[in-house]
Amino acid sequence: MPQHLSSRTEDASHLDEKATAVFEQGTNARDYSDKYVRATVTLATVLLLTAISQRFKTSRVRVGLAVIALILLCFPVYHIVTLPRL
């Protein structure tokens, strides 16, 4: 009987739509998480460059690494400010 629709079929369709919506939310959350981790790793790199620059005796090298760290610092700060808060 092609006209006969079971209530279980309707329930399955509803649950499938709900599962798809939850899966999409999880995918979006994972994307935001990846962006936060990327920002954290970049901040750790800035910290490493700052620590390495303190080990050099030459001020030109120290200033050069500090400038690179400062420029690199702009990227994660921008991403942290623009990412949504959960």
Protein backbone atom coordinates (compact mmCIF):
# COMPACT_ATOMS: atom_id res chain seq x y z
CA MET A 1 0.00 0.00 0.00
CA PRO A 2 1.83 3.07 -1.16
CA GLN A 3 -0.61 5.51 0.49
CA HIS A 4 -0.11 4.03 3.94
CA LEU A 5 2.33 6.03 6.08
CA SER A 6 3.41 4.63 9.38
CA SER A 7 3.75 6.87 12.42
CA ARG A 8 7.20 5.39 12.84
CA THR A 9 8.17 6.71 9.42
CA GLU A 10 7.11 10.20 10.44
CA ASP A 11 8.98 9.88 13.73
CA ALA A 12 12.08 8.68 11.91
CA SER A 13 11.91 11.62 9.51
CA HIS A 14 11.55 14.08 12.39
CA LEU A 15 14.44 12.50 14.30
CA ASP A 16 16.58 12.55 11.16
CA GLU A 17 16.01 16.30 10.75
CA LYS A 18 16.79 16.87 14.42
CA ALA A 19 19.99 14.82 14.16
CA THR A 20 21.07 16.79 11.11
CA ALA A 21 20.56 20.08 12.96
CA VAL A 22 22.55 18.86 15.98
CA PHE A 23 25.32 17.60 13.69
CA GLU A 24 25.54 21.03 12.02
CA GLN A 25 25.81 22.71 15.44
CA GLY A 26 28.62 20.33 16.35
CA THR A 27 30.43 21.07 13.10
CA ASN A 28 30.20 24.82 13.71
CA ALA A 29 31.42 24.40 17.28
CA ARG A 30 34.40 22.37 16.03
CA ASP A 31 35.27 25.10 13.53
CA TYR A 32 35.23 27.75 16.26
CA SER A 33 37.30 25.49 18.49
CA ASP A 34 39.90 25.07 15.76
CA LYS A 35 40.12 28.84 15.35
CA TYR A 36 40.61 29.35 19.09
CA VAL A 37 43.33 26.68 19.18
CA ARG A 38 45.07 28.32 16.20
CA ALA A 39 45.00 31.67 18.03
CA THR A 40 46.39 30.05 21.17
CA VAL A 41 49.25 28.44 19.27
CA THR A 42 50.09 31.76 17.63
CA LEU A 43 50.11 33.44 21.05
CA ALA A 44 52.48 30.73 22.30
CA THR A 45 54.74 31.45 19.31
CA VAL A 46 54.78 35.14 20.24
CA LEU A 47 55.75 34.20 23.78
CA LEU A 48 58.51 31.95 22.49
CA LEU A 49 59.91 34.66 20.23
CA THR A 50 59.87 37.11 23.12
CA ALA A 51 61.74 34.67 25.34
CA ILE A 52 64.28 33.88 22.64
CA SER A 53 64.89 37.56 21.96
CA GLN A 54 65.94 38.07 25.57
CA ARG A 55 68.78 35.56 25.17
CA PHE A 56 70.65 37.59 22.54
CA LYS A 57 73.28 40.14 23.52
CA THR A 58 72.91 42.20 20.34
CA SER A 59 70.17 44.76 20.60
CA ARG A 60 69.42 44.67 16.86
CA VAL A 61 68.50 41.00 17.06
CA ARG A 62 66.47 41.58 20.20
CA VAL A 63 64.56 44.46 18.64
CA GLY A 64 64.07 42.53 15.41
CA LEU A 65 62.56 39.53 17.18
CA ALA A 66 60.42 41.80 19.34
CA VAL A 67 59.07 43.56 16.23
CA ILE A 68 58.29 40.21 14.59
CA ALA A 69 56.54 39.08 17.77
CA LEU A 70 54.57 42.31 17.92
CA ILE A 71 53.44 41.97 14.31
CA LEU A 72 52.57 38.34 14.86
CA LEU A 73 50.59 39.30 17.96
CA CYS A 74 48.11 41.31 15.88
CA PHE A 75 46.67 38.24 14.14
CA PRO A 76 45.50 36.21 17.15
CA VAL A 77 44.22 39.30 18.95
CA TYR A 78 42.08 40.16 15.92
CA HIS A 79 40.74 36.59 15.73
CA ILE A 80 39.98 36.44 19.44
CA VAL A 81 38.11 39.74 19.33
CA THR A 82 36.06 38.76 16.25
CA LEU A 83 35.21 35.17 17.19
CA PRO A 84 31.84 34.63 18.85
CA ARG A 85 31.66 34.03 22.58
CA LEU A 86 30.09 30.78 23.64
